[in-house]
Amino acid sequence: AFFGLATFCFGVTVFEQQRKTTKNGRWYM
C-alpha cells in the first residue's frame, strides 16, 4: 500500500512536468 502511494506521488511529479495549464485545482495533489 505504501509503495503504491509512493509510486502515485512520483508519478504526479512526472505528470506535472508535462502539464501545460496550471489554472485549475489539482485533485491528485
mmCIF file of all heavy atoms, coordinates in Angstrom:
data_MODEL
# 
_entry.id   MODEL 
# 
loop_
_atom_site.group_PDB 
_atom_site.id 
_atom_site.type_symbol 
_atom_site.label_atom_id 
_atom_site.label_alt_id 
_atom_site.label_comp_id 
_atom_site.label_asym_id 
_atom_site.label_entity_id 
_atom_site.label_seq_id 
_atom_site.pdbx_PDB_ins_code 
_atom_site.Cartn_x 
_atom_site.Cartn_y 
_atom_site.Cartn_z 
_atom_site.occupancy 
_atom_site.B_iso_or_equiv 
_atom_site.pdbx_formal_charge 
_atom_site.auth_seq_id 
_atom_site.auth_comp_id 
_atom_site.auth_asym_id 
_atom_site.auth_atom_id 
_atom_site.pdbx_PDB_model_num 
ATOM 1   N N   . ALA A 1 1  ? 0.827  -1.211 0.000   1.00 0.00 ? 1  ALA A N   1 
ATOM 2   C CA  . ALA A 1 1  ? 0.000  0.000  0.000   1.00 0.00 ? 1  ALA A CA  1 
ATOM 3   C C   . ALA A 1 1  ? 0.859  1.258  0.000   1.00 0.00 ? 1  ALA A C   1 
ATOM 4   O O   . ALA A 1 1  ? 0.620  2.197  -0.775  1.00 0.00 ? 1  ALA A O   1 
ATOM 5   C CB  . ALA A 1 1  ? -0.934 -0.014 1.203   1.00 0.00 ? 1  ALA A CB  1 
ATOM 6   N N   . PHE A 1 2  ? 1.869  1.297  0.859   1.00 0.00 ? 2  PHE A N   1 
ATOM 7   C CA  . PHE A 1 2  ? 2.703  2.499  0.950   1.00 0.00 ? 2  PHE A CA  1 
ATOM 8   C C   . PHE A 1 2  ? 3.586  2.668  -0.286  1.00 0.00 ? 2  PHE A C   1 
ATOM 9   O O   . PHE A 1 2  ? 3.771  3.793  -0.763  1.00 0.00 ? 2  PHE A O   1 
ATOM 10  C CB  . PHE A 1 2  ? 3.571  2.444  2.215   1.00 0.00 ? 2  PHE A CB  1 
ATOM 11  C CG  . PHE A 1 2  ? 2.827  2.804  3.459   1.00 0.00 ? 2  PHE A CG  1 
ATOM 12  C CD1 . PHE A 1 2  ? 2.633  1.864  4.465   1.00 0.00 ? 2  PHE A CD1 1 
ATOM 13  C CD2 . PHE A 1 2  ? 2.303  4.073  3.643   1.00 0.00 ? 2  PHE A CD2 1 
ATOM 14  C CE1 . PHE A 1 2  ? 1.947  2.192  5.617   1.00 0.00 ? 2  PHE A CE1 1 
ATOM 15  C CE2 . PHE A 1 2  ? 1.610  4.407  4.795   1.00 0.00 ? 2  PHE A CE2 1 
ATOM 16  C CZ  . PHE A 1 2  ? 1.424  3.463  5.783   1.00 0.00 ? 2  PHE A CZ  1 
ATOM 17  N N   . PHE A 1 3  ? 4.108  1.592  -0.815  1.00 0.00 ? 3  PHE A N   1 
ATOM 18  C CA  . PHE A 1 3  ? 4.902  1.706  -2.045  1.00 0.00 ? 3  PHE A CA  1 
ATOM 19  C C   . PHE A 1 3  ? 4.025  2.100  -3.226  1.00 0.00 ? 3  PHE A C   1 
ATOM 20  O O   . PHE A 1 3  ? 4.465  2.810  -4.137  1.00 0.00 ? 3  PHE A O   1 
ATOM 21  C CB  . PHE A 1 3  ? 5.629  0.390  -2.329  1.00 0.00 ? 3  PHE A CB  1 
ATOM 22  C CG  . PHE A 1 3  ? 6.834  0.170  -1.472  1.00 0.00 ? 3  PHE A CG  1 
ATOM 23  C CD1 . PHE A 1 3  ? 7.482  -1.047 -1.449  1.00 0.00 ? 3  PHE A CD1 1 
ATOM 24  C CD2 . PHE A 1 3  ? 7.333  1.190  -0.673  1.00 0.00 ? 3  PHE A CD2 1 
ATOM 25  C CE1 . PHE A 1 3  ? 8.605  -1.257 -0.651  1.00 0.00 ? 3  PHE A CE1 1 
ATOM 26  C CE2 . PHE A 1 3  ? 8.443  1.010  0.126   1.00 0.00 ? 3  PHE A CE2 1 
ATOM 27  C CZ  . PHE A 1 3  ? 9.080  -0.219 0.139   1.00 0.00 ? 3  PHE A CZ  1 
ATOM 28  N N   . GLY A 1 4  ? 2.760  1.654  -3.207  1.00 0.00 ? 4  GLY A N   1 
ATOM 29  C CA  . GLY A 1 4  ? 1.826  2.074  -4.249  1.00 0.00 ? 4  GLY A CA  1 
ATOM 30  C C   . GLY A 1 4  ? 1.551  3.568  -4.178  1.00 0.00 ? 4  GLY A C   1 
ATOM 31  O O   . GLY A 1 4  ? 1.492  4.241  -5.217  1.00 0.00 ? 4  GLY A O   1 
ATOM 32  N N   . LEU A 1 5  ? 1.388  4.093  -2.961  1.00 0.00 ? 5  LEU A N   1 
ATOM 33  C CA  . LEU A 1 5  ? 1.185  5.526  -2.798  1.00 0.00 ? 5  LEU A CA  1 
ATOM 34  C C   . LEU A 1 5  ? 2.418  6.303  -3.244  1.00 0.00 ? 5  LEU A C   1 
ATOM 35  O O   . LEU A 1 5  ? 2.302  7.365  -3.886  1.00 0.00 ? 5  LEU A O   1 
ATOM 36  C CB  . LEU A 1 5  ? 0.857  5.855  -1.333  1.00 0.00 ? 5  LEU A CB  1 
ATOM 37  C CG  . LEU A 1 5  ? 0.695  7.344  -0.996  1.00 0.00 ? 5  LEU A CG  1 
ATOM 38  C CD1 . LEU A 1 5  ? -0.432 7.975  -1.811  1.00 0.00 ? 5  LEU A CD1 1 
ATOM 39  C CD2 . LEU A 1 5  ? 0.444  7.531  0.496   1.00 0.00 ? 5  LEU A CD2 1 
ATOM 40  N N   . ALA A 1 6  ? 3.601  5.800  -2.926  1.00 0.00 ? 6  ALA A N   1 
ATOM 41  C CA  . ALA A 1 6  ? 4.835  6.461  -3.351  1.00 0.00 ? 6  ALA A CA  1 
ATOM 42  C C   . ALA A 1 6  ? 4.928  6.513  -4.874  1.00 0.00 ? 6  ALA A C   1 
ATOM 43  O O   . ALA A 1 6  ? 5.329  7.540  -5.454  1.00 0.00 ? 6  ALA A O   1 
ATOM 44  C CB  . ALA A 1 6  ? 6.044  5.731  -2.770  1.00 0.00 ? 6  ALA A CB  1 
ATOM 45  N N   . THR A 1 7  ? 4.544  5.430  -5.533  1.00 0.00 ? 7  THR A N   1 
ATOM 46  C CA  . THR A 1 7  ? 4.551  5.408  -6.996  1.00 0.00 ? 7  THR A CA  1 
ATOM 47  C C   . THR A 1 7  ? 3.606  6.461  -7.560  1.00 0.00 ? 7  THR A C   1 
ATOM 48  O O   . THR A 1 7  ? 3.923  7.160  -8.536  1.00 0.00 ? 7  THR A O   1 
ATOM 49  C CB  . THR A 1 7  ? 4.143  4.015  -7.500  1.00 0.00 ? 7  THR A CB  1 
ATOM 50  O OG1 . THR A 1 7  ? 5.046  3.033  -6.965  1.00 0.00 ? 7  THR A OG1 1 
ATOM 51  C CG2 . THR A 1 7  ? 4.173  3.965  -9.017  1.00 0.00 ? 7  THR A CG2 1 
ATOM 52  N N   . PHE A 1 8  ? 2.436  6.590  -6.943  1.00 0.00 ? 8  PHE A N   1 
ATOM 53  C CA  . PHE A 1 8  ? 1.472  7.599  -7.386  1.00 0.00 ? 8  PHE A CA  1 
ATOM 54  C C   . PHE A 1 8  ? 2.037  9.007  -7.227  1.00 0.00 ? 8  PHE A C   1 
ATOM 55  O O   . PHE A 1 8  ? 1.908  9.851  -8.130  1.00 0.00 ? 8  PHE A O   1 
ATOM 56  C CB  . PHE A 1 8  ? 0.182  7.453  -6.582  1.00 0.00 ? 8  PHE A CB  1 
ATOM 57  C CG  . PHE A 1 8  ? -0.830 8.530  -6.837  1.00 0.00 ? 8  PHE A CG  1 
ATOM 58  C CD1 . PHE A 1 8  ? -1.613 8.515  -7.979  1.00 0.00 ? 8  PHE A CD1 1 
ATOM 59  C CD2 . PHE A 1 8  ? -0.994 9.580  -5.937  1.00 0.00 ? 8  PHE A CD2 1 
ATOM 60  C CE1 . PHE A 1 8  ? -2.549 9.519  -8.217  1.00 0.00 ? 8  PHE A CE1 1 
ATOM 61  C CE2 . PHE A 1 8  ? -1.917 10.585 -6.160  1.00 0.00 ? 8  PHE A CE2 1 
ATOM 62  C CZ  . PHE A 1 8  ? -2.703 10.551 -7.313  1.00 0.00 ? 8  PHE A CZ  1 
ATOM 63  N N   . CYS A 1 9  ? 2.671  9.285  -6.092  1.00 0.00 ? 9  CYS A N   1 
ATOM 64  C CA  . CYS A 1 9  ? 3.213  10.627 -5.826  1.00 0.00 ? 9  CYS A CA  1 
ATOM 65  C C   . CYS A 1 9  ? 4.324  10.977 -6.805  1.00 0.00 ? 9  CYS A C   1 
ATOM 66  O O   . CYS A 1 9  ? 4.367  12.097 -7.355  1.00 0.00 ? 9  CYS A O   1 
ATOM 67  C CB  . CYS A 1 9  ? 3.732  10.702 -4.385  1.00 0.00 ? 9  CYS A CB  1 
ATOM 68  S SG  . CYS A 1 9  ? 2.451  10.556 -3.124  1.00 0.00 ? 9  CYS A SG  1 
ATOM 69  N N   . PHE A 1 10 ? 5.220  10.045 -7.046  1.00 0.00 ? 10 PHE A N   1 
ATOM 70  C CA  . PHE A 1 10 ? 6.297  10.319 -8.001  1.00 0.00 ? 10 PHE A CA  1 
ATOM 71  C C   . PHE A 1 10 ? 5.757  10.410 -9.424  1.00 0.00 ? 10 PHE A C   1 
ATOM 72  O O   . PHE A 1 10 ? 6.296  11.146 -10.266 1.00 0.00 ? 10 PHE A O   1 
ATOM 73  C CB  . PHE A 1 10 ? 7.381  9.253  -7.898  1.00 0.00 ? 10 PHE A CB  1 
ATOM 74  C CG  . PHE A 1 10 ? 8.152  9.303  -6.613  1.00 0.00 ? 10 PHE A CG  1 
ATOM 75  C CD1 . PHE A 1 10 ? 8.267  8.183  -5.800  1.00 0.00 ? 10 PHE A CD1 1 
ATOM 76  C CD2 . PHE A 1 10 ? 8.746  10.488 -6.200  1.00 0.00 ? 10 PHE A CD2 1 
ATOM 77  C CE1 . PHE A 1 10 ? 8.976  8.246  -4.614  1.00 0.00 ? 10 PHE A CE1 1 
ATOM 78  C CE2 . PHE A 1 10 ? 9.455  10.563 -5.013  1.00 0.00 ? 10 PHE A CE2 1 
ATOM 79  C CZ  . PHE A 1 10 ? 9.566  9.423  -4.207  1.00 0.00 ? 10 PHE A CZ  1 
ATOM 80  N N   . GLY A 1 11 ? 4.672  9.674  -9.686  1.00 0.00 ? 11 GLY A N   1 
ATOM 81  C CA  . GLY A 1 11 ? 4.032  9.796  -10.988 1.00 0.00 ? 11 GLY A CA  1 
ATOM 82  C C   . GLY A 1 11 ? 3.432  11.176 -11.196 1.00 0.00 ? 11 GLY A C   1 
ATOM 83  O O   . GLY A 1 11 ? 3.456  11.721 -12.312 1.00 0.00 ? 11 GLY A O   1 
ATOM 84  N N   . VAL A 1 12 ? 2.902  11.770 -10.129 1.00 0.00 ? 12 VAL A N   1 
ATOM 85  C CA  . VAL A 1 12 ? 2.378  13.136 -10.198 1.00 0.00 ? 12 VAL A CA  1 
ATOM 86  C C   . VAL A 1 12 ? 3.489  14.112 -10.541 1.00 0.00 ? 12 VAL A C   1 
ATOM 87  O O   . VAL A 1 12 ? 3.287  15.063 -11.316 1.00 0.00 ? 12 VAL A O   1 
ATOM 88  C CB  . VAL A 1 12 ? 1.711  13.515 -8.857  1.00 0.00 ? 12 VAL A CB  1 
ATOM 89  C CG1 . VAL A 1 12 ? 1.422  15.012 -8.802  1.00 0.00 ? 12 VAL A CG1 1 
ATOM 90  C CG2 . VAL A 1 12 ? 0.429  12.718 -8.669  1.00 0.00 ? 12 VAL A CG2 1 
ATOM 91  N N   . THR A 1 13 ? 4.683  13.884 -9.998  1.00 0.00 ? 13 THR A N   1 
ATOM 92  C CA  . THR A 1 13 ? 5.818  14.760 -10.290 1.00 0.00 ? 13 THR A CA  1 
ATOM 93  C C   . THR A 1 13 ? 6.146  14.757 -11.786 1.00 0.00 ? 13 THR A C   1 
ATOM 94  O O   . THR A 1 13 ? 6.389  15.809 -12.392 1.00 0.00 ? 13 THR A O   1 
ATOM 95  C CB  . THR A 1 13 ? 7.048  14.298 -9.491  1.00 0.00 ? 13 THR A CB  1 
ATOM 96  O OG1 . THR A 1 13 ? 6.728  14.267 -8.101  1.00 0.00 ? 13 THR A OG1 1 
ATOM 97  C CG2 . THR A 1 13 ? 8.213  15.249 -9.711  1.00 0.00 ? 13 THR A CG2 1 
ATOM 98  N N   . VAL A 1 14 ? 6.123  13.576 -12.387 1.00 0.00 ? 14 VAL A N   1 
ATOM 99  C CA  . VAL A 1 14 ? 6.393  13.472 -13.826 1.00 0.00 ? 14 VAL A CA  1 
ATOM 100 C C   . VAL A 1 14 ? 5.251  14.092 -14.627 1.00 0.00 ? 14 VAL A C   1 
ATOM 101 O O   . VAL A 1 14 ? 5.485  14.808 -15.618 1.00 0.00 ? 14 VAL A O   1 
ATOM 102 C CB  . VAL A 1 14 ? 6.585  11.993 -14.218 1.00 0.00 ? 14 VAL A CB  1 
ATOM 103 C CG1 . VAL A 1 14 ? 6.790  11.861 -15.731 1.00 0.00 ? 14 VAL A CG1 1 
ATOM 104 C CG2 . VAL A 1 14 ? 7.758  11.397 -13.460 1.00 0.00 ? 14 VAL A CG2 1 
ATOM 105 N N   . PHE A 1 15 ? 4.023  13.847 -14.214 1.00 0.00 ? 15 PHE A N   1 
ATOM 106 C CA  . PHE A 1 15 ? 2.867  14.394 -14.920 1.00 0.00 ? 15 PHE A CA  1 
ATOM 107 C C   . PHE A 1 15 ? 2.870  15.915 -14.901 1.00 0.00 ? 15 PHE A C   1 
ATOM 108 O O   . PHE A 1 15 ? 2.539  16.559 -15.911 1.00 0.00 ? 15 PHE A O   1 
ATOM 109 C CB  . PHE A 1 15 ? 1.586  13.854 -14.285 1.00 0.00 ? 15 PHE A CB  1 
ATOM 110 C CG  . PHE A 1 15 ? 0.330  14.460 -14.842 1.00 0.00 ? 15 PHE A CG  1 
ATOM 111 C CD1 . PHE A 1 15 ? -0.158 14.074 -16.083 1.00 0.00 ? 15 PHE A CD1 1 
ATOM 112 C CD2 . PHE A 1 15 ? -0.364 15.422 -14.125 1.00 0.00 ? 15 PHE A CD2 1 
ATOM 113 C CE1 . PHE A 1 15 ? -1.306 14.645 -16.598 1.00 0.00 ? 15 PHE A CE1 1 
ATOM 114 C CE2 . PHE A 1 15 ? -1.525 15.996 -14.632 1.00 0.00 ? 15 PHE A CE2 1 
ATOM 115 C CZ  . PHE A 1 15 ? -1.991 15.601 -15.876 1.00 0.00 ? 15 PHE A CZ  1 
ATOM 116 N N   . GLU A 1 16 ? 3.248  16.518 -13.756 1.00 0.00 ? 16 GLU A N   1 
ATOM 117 C CA  . GLU A 1 16 ? 3.277  17.974 -13.646 1.00 0.00 ? 16 GLU A CA  1 
ATOM 118 C C   . GLU A 1 16 ? 4.308  18.586 -14.584 1.00 0.00 ? 16 GLU A C   1 
ATOM 119 O O   . GLU A 1 16 ? 4.126  19.694 -15.081 1.00 0.00 ? 16 GLU A O   1 
ATOM 120 C CB  . GLU A 1 16 ? 3.578  18.392 -12.203 1.00 0.00 ? 16 GLU A CB  1 
ATOM 121 C CG  . GLU A 1 16 ? 2.368  18.461 -11.310 1.00 0.00 ? 16 GLU A CG  1 
ATOM 122 C CD  . GLU A 1 16 ? 1.396  19.548 -11.735 1.00 0.00 ? 16 GLU A CD  1 
ATOM 123 O OE1 . GLU A 1 16 ? 1.844  20.684 -12.014 1.00 0.00 ? 16 GLU A OE1 1 
ATOM 124 O OE2 . GLU A 1 16 ? 0.188  19.274 -11.804 1.00 0.00 ? 16 GLU A OE2 1 
ATOM 125 N N   . GLN A 1 17 ? 5.384  17.870 -14.828 1.00 0.00 ? 17 GLN A N   1 
ATOM 126 C CA  . GLN A 1 17 ? 6.415  18.392 -15.711 1.00 0.00 ? 17 GLN A CA  1 
ATOM 127 C C   . GLN A 1 17 ? 5.904  18.534 -17.136 1.00 0.00 ? 17 GLN A C   1 
ATOM 128 O O   . GLN A 1 17 ? 6.323  19.434 -17.869 1.00 0.00 ? 17 GLN A O   1 
ATOM 129 C CB  . GLN A 1 17 ? 7.640  17.458 -15.681 1.00 0.00 ? 17 GLN A CB  1 
ATOM 130 C CG  . GLN A 1 17 ? 8.836  17.972 -16.444 1.00 0.00 ? 17 GLN A CG  1 
ATOM 131 C CD  . GLN A 1 17 ? 9.383  19.271 -15.861 1.00 0.00 ? 17 GLN A CD  1 
ATOM 132 O OE1 . GLN A 1 17 ? 9.351  19.478 -14.649 1.00 0.00 ? 17 GLN A OE1 1 
ATOM 133 N NE2 . GLN A 1 17 ? 9.896  20.146 -16.724 1.00 0.00 ? 17 GLN A NE2 1 
ATOM 134 N N   . GLN A 1 18 ? 4.946  17.681 -17.507 1.00 0.00 ? 18 GLN A N   1 
ATOM 135 C CA  . GLN A 1 18 ? 4.414  17.707 -18.862 1.00 0.00 ? 18 GLN A CA  1 
ATOM 136 C C   . GLN A 1 18 ? 3.097  18.456 -18.963 1.00 0.00 ? 18 GLN A C   1 
ATOM 137 O O   . GLN A 1 18 ? 2.595  18.655 -20.073 1.00 0.00 ? 18 GLN A O   1 
ATOM 138 C CB  . GLN A 1 18 ? 4.217  16.267 -19.363 1.00 0.00 ? 18 GLN A CB  1 
ATOM 139 C CG  . GLN A 1 18 ? 5.500  15.442 -19.370 1.00 0.00 ? 18 GLN A CG  1 
ATOM 140 C CD  . GLN A 1 18 ? 5.261  13.997 -19.751 1.00 0.00 ? 18 GLN A CD  1 
ATOM 141 O OE1 . GLN A 1 18 ? 4.120  13.561 -19.869 1.00 0.00 ? 18 GLN A OE1 1 
ATOM 142 N NE2 . GLN A 1 18 ? 6.346  13.256 -19.951 1.00 0.00 ? 18 GLN A NE2 1 
ATOM 143 N N   . ARG A 1 19 ? 2.539  18.859 -17.850 1.00 0.00 ? 19 ARG A N   1 
ATOM 144 C CA  . ARG A 1 19 ? 1.248  19.543 -17.854 1.00 0.00 ? 19 ARG A CA  1 
ATOM 145 C C   . ARG A 1 19 ? 1.427  20.976 -18.365 1.00 0.00 ? 19 ARG A C   1 
ATOM 146 O O   . ARG A 1 19 ? 2.347  21.684 -17.947 1.00 0.00 ? 19 ARG A O   1 
ATOM 147 C CB  . ARG A 1 19 ? 0.653  19.552 -16.461 1.00 0.00 ? 19 ARG A CB  1 
ATOM 148 C CG  . ARG A 1 19 ? -0.800 20.021 -16.410 1.00 0.00 ? 19 ARG A CG  1 
ATOM 149 C CD  . ARG A 1 19 ? -1.284 20.063 -14.976 1.00 0.00 ? 19 ARG A CD  1 
ATOM 150 N NE  . ARG A 1 19 ? -2.718 20.331 -14.920 1.00 0.00 ? 19 ARG A NE  1 
ATOM 151 C CZ  . ARG A 1 19 ? -3.308 21.025 -13.971 1.00 0.00 ? 19 ARG A CZ  1 
ATOM 152 N NH1 . ARG A 1 19 ? -2.592 21.531 -12.986 1.00 0.00 ? 19 ARG A NH1 1 
ATOM 153 N NH2 . ARG A 1 19 ? -4.608 21.200 -13.979 1.00 0.00 ? 19 ARG A NH2 1 
ATOM 154 N N   . LYS A 1 20 ? 0.535  21.418 -19.224 1.00 0.00 ? 20 LYS A N   1 
ATOM 155 C CA  . LYS A 1 20 ? 0.655  22.736 -19.837 1.00 0.00 ? 20 LYS A CA  1 
ATOM 156 C C   . LYS A 1 20 ? -0.069 23.815 -19.039 1.00 0.00 ? 20 LYS A C   1 
ATOM 157 O O   . LYS A 1 20 ? 0.457  24.897 -18.834 1.00 0.00 ? 20 LYS A O   1 
ATOM 158 C CB  . LYS A 1 20 ? 0.126  22.695 -21.273 1.00 0.00 ? 20 LYS A CB  1 
ATOM 159 C CG  . LYS A 1 20 ? 0.930  21.790 -22.194 1.00 0.00 ? 20 LYS A CG  1 
ATOM 160 C CD  . LYS A 1 20 ? 0.368  21.808 -23.605 1.00 0.00 ? 20 LYS A CD  1 
ATOM 161 C CE  . LYS A 1 20 ? 1.186  20.907 -24.522 1.00 0.00 ? 20 LYS A CE  1 
ATOM 162 N NZ  . LYS A 1 20 ? 0.661  20.895 -25.906 1.00 0.00 ? 20 LYS A NZ  1 
ATOM 163 N N   . THR A 1 21 ? -1.281 23.546 -18.588 1.00 0.00 ? 21 THR A N   1 
ATOM 164 C CA  . THR A 1 21 ? -2.056 24.546 -17.861 1.00 0.00 ? 21 THR A CA  1 
ATOM 165 C C   . THR A 1 21 ? -1.982 24.295 -16.363 1.00 0.00 ? 21 THR A C   1 
ATOM 166 O O   . THR A 1 21 ? -1.907 23.143 -15.925 1.00 0.00 ? 21 THR A O   1 
ATOM 167 C CB  . THR A 1 21 ? -3.531 24.538 -18.305 1.00 0.00 ? 21 THR A CB  1 
ATOM 168 O OG1 . THR A 1 21 ? -4.263 25.468 -17.526 1.00 0.00 ? 21 THR A OG1 1 
ATOM 169 C CG2 . THR A 1 21 ? -4.158 23.159 -18.111 1.00 0.00 ? 21 THR A CG2 1 
ATOM 170 N N   . THR A 1 22 ? -1.991 25.384 -15.574 1.00 0.00 ? 22 THR A N   1 
ATOM 171 C CA  . THR A 1 22 ? -1.937 25.275 -14.107 1.00 0.00 ? 22 THR A CA  1 
ATOM 172 C C   . THR A 1 22 ? -3.025 26.097 -13.448 1.00 0.00 ? 22 THR A C   1 
ATOM 173 O O   . THR A 1 22 ? -2.914 26.473 -12.287 1.00 0.00 ? 22 THR A O   1 
ATOM 174 C CB  . THR A 1 22 ? -0.558 25.736 -13.591 1.00 0.00 ? 22 THR A CB  1 
ATOM 175 O OG1 . THR A 1 22 ? -0.361 27.110 -13.977 1.00 0.00 ? 22 THR A OG1 1 
ATOM 176 C CG2 . THR A 1 22 ? 0.556  24.879 -14.128 1.00 0.00 ? 22 THR A CG2 1 
ATOM 177 N N   . LYS A 1 23 ? -4.077 26.399 -14.174 1.00 0.00 ? 23 LYS A N   1 
ATOM 178 C CA  . LYS A 1 23 ? -5.117 27.276 -13.641 1.00 0.00 ? 23 LYS A CA  1 
ATOM 179 C C   . LYS A 1 23 ? -6.104 26.540 -12.744 1.00 0.00 ? 23 LYS A C   1 
ATOM 180 O O   . LYS A 1 23 ? -6.652 27.104 -11.813 1.00 0.00 ? 23 LYS A O   1 
ATOM 181 C CB  . LYS A 1 23 ? -5.859 27.952 -14.797 1.00 0.00 ? 23 LYS A CB  1 
ATOM 182 C CG  . LYS A 1 23 ? -4.994 28.912 -15.596 1.00 0.00 ? 23 LYS A CG  1 
ATOM 183 C CD  . LYS A 1 23 ? -5.801 29.588 -16.689 1.00 0.00 ? 23 LYS A CD  1 
ATOM 184 C CE  . LYS A 1 23 ? -4.928 30.560 -17.481 1.00 0.00 ? 23 LYS A CE  1 
ATOM 185 N NZ  . LYS A 1 23 ? -5.693 31.241 -18.555 1.00 0.00 ? 23 LYS A NZ  1 
ATOM 186 N N   . ASN A 1 24 ? -6.372 25.293 -13.045 1.00 0.00 ? 24 ASN A N   1 
ATOM 187 C CA  . ASN A 1 24 ? -7.369 24.554 -12.298 1.00 0.00 ? 24 ASN A CA  1 
ATOM 188 C C   . ASN A 1 24 ? -6.755 23.877 -11.083 1.00 0.00 ? 24 ASN A C   1 
ATOM 189 O O   . ASN A 1 24 ? -5.550 23.646 -11.008 1.00 0.00 ? 24 ASN A O   1 
ATOM 190 C CB  . ASN A 1 24 ? -8.025 23.497 -13.197 1.00 0.00 ? 24 ASN A CB  1 
ATOM 191 C CG  . ASN A 1 24 ? -8.726 24.137 -14.395 1.00 0.00 ? 24 ASN A CG  1 
ATOM 192 O OD1 . ASN A 1 24 ? -9.294 25.222 -14.273 1.00 0.00 ? 24 ASN A OD1 1 
ATOM 193 N ND2 . ASN A 1 24 ? -8.668 23.469 -15.533 1.00 0.00 ? 24 ASN A ND2 1 
ATOM 194 N N   . GLY A 1 25 ? -7.640 23.519 -10.101 1.00 0.00 ? 25 GLY A N   1 
ATOM 195 C CA  . GLY A 1 25 ? -7.177 22.808 -8.920  1.00 0.00 ? 25 GLY A CA  1 
ATOM 196 C C   . GLY A 1 25 ? -6.719 21.402 -9.268  1.00 0.00 ? 25 GLY A C   1 
ATOM 197 O O   . GLY A 1 25 ? -7.129 20.811 -10.267 1.00 0.00 ? 25 GLY A O   1 
ATOM 198 N N   . ARG A 1 26 ? -5.838 20.859 -8.470  1.00 0.00 ? 26 ARG A N   1 
ATOM 199 C CA  . ARG A 1 26 ? -5.251 19.551 -8.738  1.00 0.00 ? 26 ARG A CA  1 
ATOM 200 C C   . ARG A 1 26 ? -5.778 18.548 -7.716  1.00 0.00 ? 26 ARG A C   1 
ATOM 201 O O   . ARG A 1 26 ? -5.318 18.506 -6.573  1.00 0.00 ? 26 ARG A O   1 
ATOM 202 C CB  . ARG A 1 26 ? -3.730 19.650 -8.666  1.00 0.00 ? 26 ARG A CB  1 
ATOM 203 C CG  . ARG A 1 26 ? -3.093 20.631 -9.648  1.00 0.00 ? 26 ARG A CG  1 
ATOM 204 C CD  . ARG A 1 26 ? -1.636 20.799 -9.300  1.00 0.00 ? 26 ARG A CD  1 
ATOM 205 N NE  . ARG A 1 26 ? -0.893 21.550 -10.301 1.00 0.00 ? 26 ARG A NE  1 
ATOM 206 C CZ  . ARG A 1 26 ? -0.783 22.880 -10.288 1.00 0.00 ? 26 ARG A CZ  1 
ATOM 207 N NH1 . ARG A 1 26 ? -1.407 23.597 -9.355  1.00 0.00 ? 26 ARG A NH1 1 
ATOM 208 N NH2 . ARG A 1 26 ? -0.061 23.499 -11.200 1.00 0.00 ? 26 ARG A NH2 1 
ATOM 209 N N   . TRP A 1 27 ? -6.706 17.707 -8.124  1.00 0.00 ? 27 TRP A N   1 
ATOM 210 C CA  . TRP A 1 27 ? -7.261 16.707 -7.222  1.00 0.00 ? 27 TRP A CA  1 
ATOM 211 C C   . TRP A 1 27 ? -6.197 15.689 -6.825  1.00 0.00 ? 27 TRP A C   1 
ATOM 212 O O   . TRP A 1 27 ? -6.197 15.168 -5.703  1.00 0.00 ? 27 TRP A O   1 
ATOM 213 C CB  . TRP A 1 27 ? -8.439 15.983 -7.882  1.00 0.00 ? 27 TRP A CB  1 
ATOM 214 C CG  . TRP A 1 27 ? -8.050 15.141 -9.061  1.00 0.00 ? 27 TRP A CG  1 
ATOM 215 C CD1 . TRP A 1 27 ? -8.063 15.509 -10.362 1.00 0.00 ? 27 TRP A CD1 1 
ATOM 216 C CD2 . TRP A 1 27 ? -7.561 13.795 -9.022  1.00 0.00 ? 27 TRP A CD2 1 
ATOM 217 N NE1 . TRP A 1 27 ? -7.625 14.471 -11.157 1.00 0.00 ? 27 TRP A NE1 1 
ATOM 218 C CE2 . TRP A 1 27 ? -7.319 13.401 -10.366 1.00 0.00 ? 27 TRP A CE2 1 
ATOM 219 C CE3 . TRP A 1 27 ? -7.316 12.887 -8.006  1.00 0.00 ? 27 TRP A CE3 1 
ATOM 220 C CZ2 . TRP A 1 27 ? -6.829 12.143 -10.697 1.00 0.00 ? 27 TRP A CZ2 1 
ATOM 221 C CZ3 . TRP A 1 27 ? -6.828 11.619 -8.334  1.00 0.00 ? 27 TRP A CZ3 1 
ATOM 222 C CH2 . TRP A 1 27 ? -6.596 11.261 -9.657  1.00 0.00 ? 27 TRP A CH2 1 
ATOM 223 N N   . TYR A 1 28 ? -5.285 15.398 -7.743  1.00 0.00 ? 28 TYR A N   1 
ATOM 224 C CA  . TYR A 1 28 ? -4.261 14.394 -7.470  1.00 0.00 ? 28 TYR A CA  1 
ATOM 225 C C   . TYR A 1 28 ? -3.251 14.880 -6.427  1.00 0.00 ? 28 TYR A C   1 
ATOM 226 O O   . TYR A 1 28 ? -2.600 14.067 -5.777  1.00 0.00 ? 28 TYR A O   1 
ATOM 227 C CB  . TYR A 1 28 ? -3.542 13.975 -8.764  1.00 0.00 ? 28 TYR A CB  1 
ATOM 228 C CG  . TYR A 1 28 ? -3.140 15.132 -9.648  1.00 0.00 ? 28 TYR A CG  1 
ATOM 229 C CD1 . TYR A 1 28 ? -1.942 15.814 -9.440  1.00 0.00 ? 28 TYR A CD1 1 
ATOM 230 C CD2 . TYR A 1 28 ? -3.955 15.536 -10.695 1.00 0.00 ? 28 TYR A CD2 1 
ATOM 231 C CE1 . TYR A 1 28 ? -1.567 16.858 -10.247 1.00 0.00 ? 28 TYR A CE1 1 
ATOM 232 C CE2 . TYR A 1 28 ? -3.578 16.591 -11.517 1.00 0.00 ? 28 TYR A CE2 1 
ATOM 233 C CZ  . TYR A 1 28 ? -2.393 17.247 -11.297 1.00 0.00 ? 28 TYR A CZ  1 
ATOM 234 O OH  . TYR A 1 28 ? -2.022 18.300 -12.101 1.00 0.00 ? 28 TYR A OH  1 
ATOM 235 N N   . MET A 1 29 ? -3.124 16.188 -6.286  1.00 0.00 ? 29 MET A N   1 
ATOM 236 C CA  . MET A 1 29 ? -2.286 16.705 -5.211  1.00 0.00 ? 29 MET A CA  1 
ATOM 237 C C   . MET A 1 29 ? -3.025 16.641 -3.882  1.00 0.00 ? 29 MET A C   1 
ATOM 238 O O   . MET A 1 29 ? -2.465 16.266 -2.849  1.00 0.00 ? 29 MET A O   1 
ATOM 239 C CB  . MET A 1 29 ? -1.874 18.149 -5.504  1.00 0.00 ? 29 MET A CB  1 
ATOM 240 C CG  . MET A 1 29 ? -1.087 18.782 -4.375  1.00 0.00 ? 29 MET A CG  1 
ATOM 241 S SD  . MET A 1 29 ? -0.791 20.534 -4.648  1.00 0.00 ? 29 MET A SD  1 
ATOM 242 C CE  . MET A 1 29 ? -0.245 21.033 -3.008  1.00 0.00 ? 29 MET A CE  1 
# 
